[in-house]
Amino acid sequence: MIDAGDLAPGESTHNAGCRGLARTILVHKIAGASAKAGADLATVDANARSVADPVRTTGVAFSASTVPAAGQPGGSLAMPVTPTA
């Protein structure tokens, strides 16, 4: 089994690509525990896939990122405030 990636939006031109950040450790832990318990390869694979398939990674930021070549933040994450009545 190859853990190829789990980016929440899927394939898009607006993201950095799939990186597998959230599920990689989970998949390895489940596969390792299954193998240690004596499961055959097909069962180890099935157990790892059952954990990998539903997991997705989503990024969150508290400030705009700075690309090293630019040397300054690439924008603002400020949220507009709308007065309520």
Protein backbone atom coordinates (compact mmCIF):
# COMPACT_ATOMS: atom_id res chain seq x y z
CA MET A 1 0.00 0.00 0.00
CA ILE A 2 1.26 3.47 -0.89
CA ASP A 3 -0.11 6.37 1.17
CA ALA A 4 -0.27 8.94 -1.62
CA GLY A 5 -2.01 11.88 0.03
CA ASP A 6 -5.12 13.12 1.73
CA LEU A 7 -5.64 16.83 1.02
CA ALA A 8 -9.27 17.69 1.79
CA PRO A 9 -10.10 19.63 -1.44
CA GLY A 10 -8.69 16.84 -3.62
CA GLU A 11 -7.01 17.63 -6.89
CA SER A 12 -7.13 21.36 -7.55
CA THR A 13 -5.05 24.13 -9.08
CA HIS A 14 -5.50 26.12 -5.83
CA ASN A 15 -3.51 23.95 -3.44
CA ALA A 16 0.02 22.72 -2.91
CA GLY A 17 -0.92 19.14 -3.70
CA CYS A 18 -1.57 16.03 -1.66
CA ARG A 19 0.85 15.53 1.20
CA GLY A 20 -0.64 12.86 3.47
CA LEU A 21 0.02 14.78 6.66
CA ALA A 22 -2.84 13.56 8.82
CA ARG A 23 -3.10 9.92 8.02
CA THR A 24 0.45 8.71 7.43
CA ILE A 25 1.18 7.91 11.08
CA LEU A 26 -2.28 6.40 11.61
CA VAL A 27 -1.90 4.13 8.59
CA HIS A 28 1.54 2.94 9.72
CA LYS A 29 0.38 2.34 13.29
CA ILE A 30 -2.67 0.32 12.20
CA ALA A 31 -0.68 -1.68 9.64
CA GLY A 32 2.05 -2.38 12.19
CA ALA A 33 -0.42 -3.45 14.88
CA SER A 34 -2.22 -5.74 12.43
CA ALA A 35 1.06 -7.33 11.31
CA LYS A 36 2.25 -7.73 14.91
CA ALA A 37 -1.02 -9.47 15.77
CA GLY A 38 -0.25 -12.01 13.05
CA ALA A 39 -2.64 -10.85 10.31
CA ASP A 40 -1.87 -11.92 6.76
CA LEU A 41 -0.76 -9.31 4.21
CA ALA A 42 -4.24 -8.93 2.68
CA THR A 43 -5.75 -8.22 6.12
CA VAL A 44 -2.97 -5.76 7.03
CA ASP A 45 -3.62 -3.94 3.75
CA ALA A 46 -7.41 -3.92 4.29
CA ASN A 47 -7.02 -2.58 7.84
CA ALA A 48 -4.63 0.16 6.70
CA ARG A 49 -6.94 1.18 3.84
CA SER A 50 -9.96 1.31 6.16
CA VAL A 51 -8.13 3.95 8.21
CA ALA A 52 -6.62 5.82 5.24
CA ASP A 53 -9.68 6.20 3.03
CA PRO A 54 -11.82 8.52 5.21
CA VAL A 55 -9.00 10.77 6.55
CA ARG A 56 -8.31 14.21 5.03
CA THR A 57 -5.87 17.02 5.87
CA THR A 58 -6.95 20.64 6.12
CA GLY A 59 -4.55 23.53 6.72
CA VAL A 60 -5.24 26.42 9.08
CA ALA A 61 -3.22 29.63 9.49
CA PHE A 62 -3.18 32.47 11.99
CA SER A 63 -1.28 34.77 9.66
CA ALA A 64 -0.44 35.06 5.97
CA SER A 65 2.50 33.00 4.78
CA THR A 66 5.76 34.51 3.60
CA VAL A 67 7.36 33.07 0.50
CA PRO A 68 11.15 33.31 1.03
CA ALA A 69 11.77 34.87 -2.40
CA ALA A 70 9.22 37.64 -1.70
CA GLY A 71 10.42 38.36 1.84
CA GLN A 72 7.02 39.57 3.02
CA PRO A 73 3.54 38.13 3.62
CA GLY A 74 1.60 37.41 0.46
CA GLY A 75 -1.67 38.91 1.71
CA SER A 76 -3.91 39.35 4.70
CA LEU A 77 -6.20 36.97 6.56
CA ALA A 78 -8.25 39.79 8.09
CA MET A 79 -11.97 39.03 8.31
CA PRO A 80 -14.41 41.84 7.59
CA VAL A 81 -16.59 42.72 10.56
CA THR A 82 -20.28 43.16 9.77
CA PRO A 83 -22.33 45.10 12.34
CA THR A 84 -25.44 43.35 13.57
CA ALA A 85 -28.70 45.10 14.35
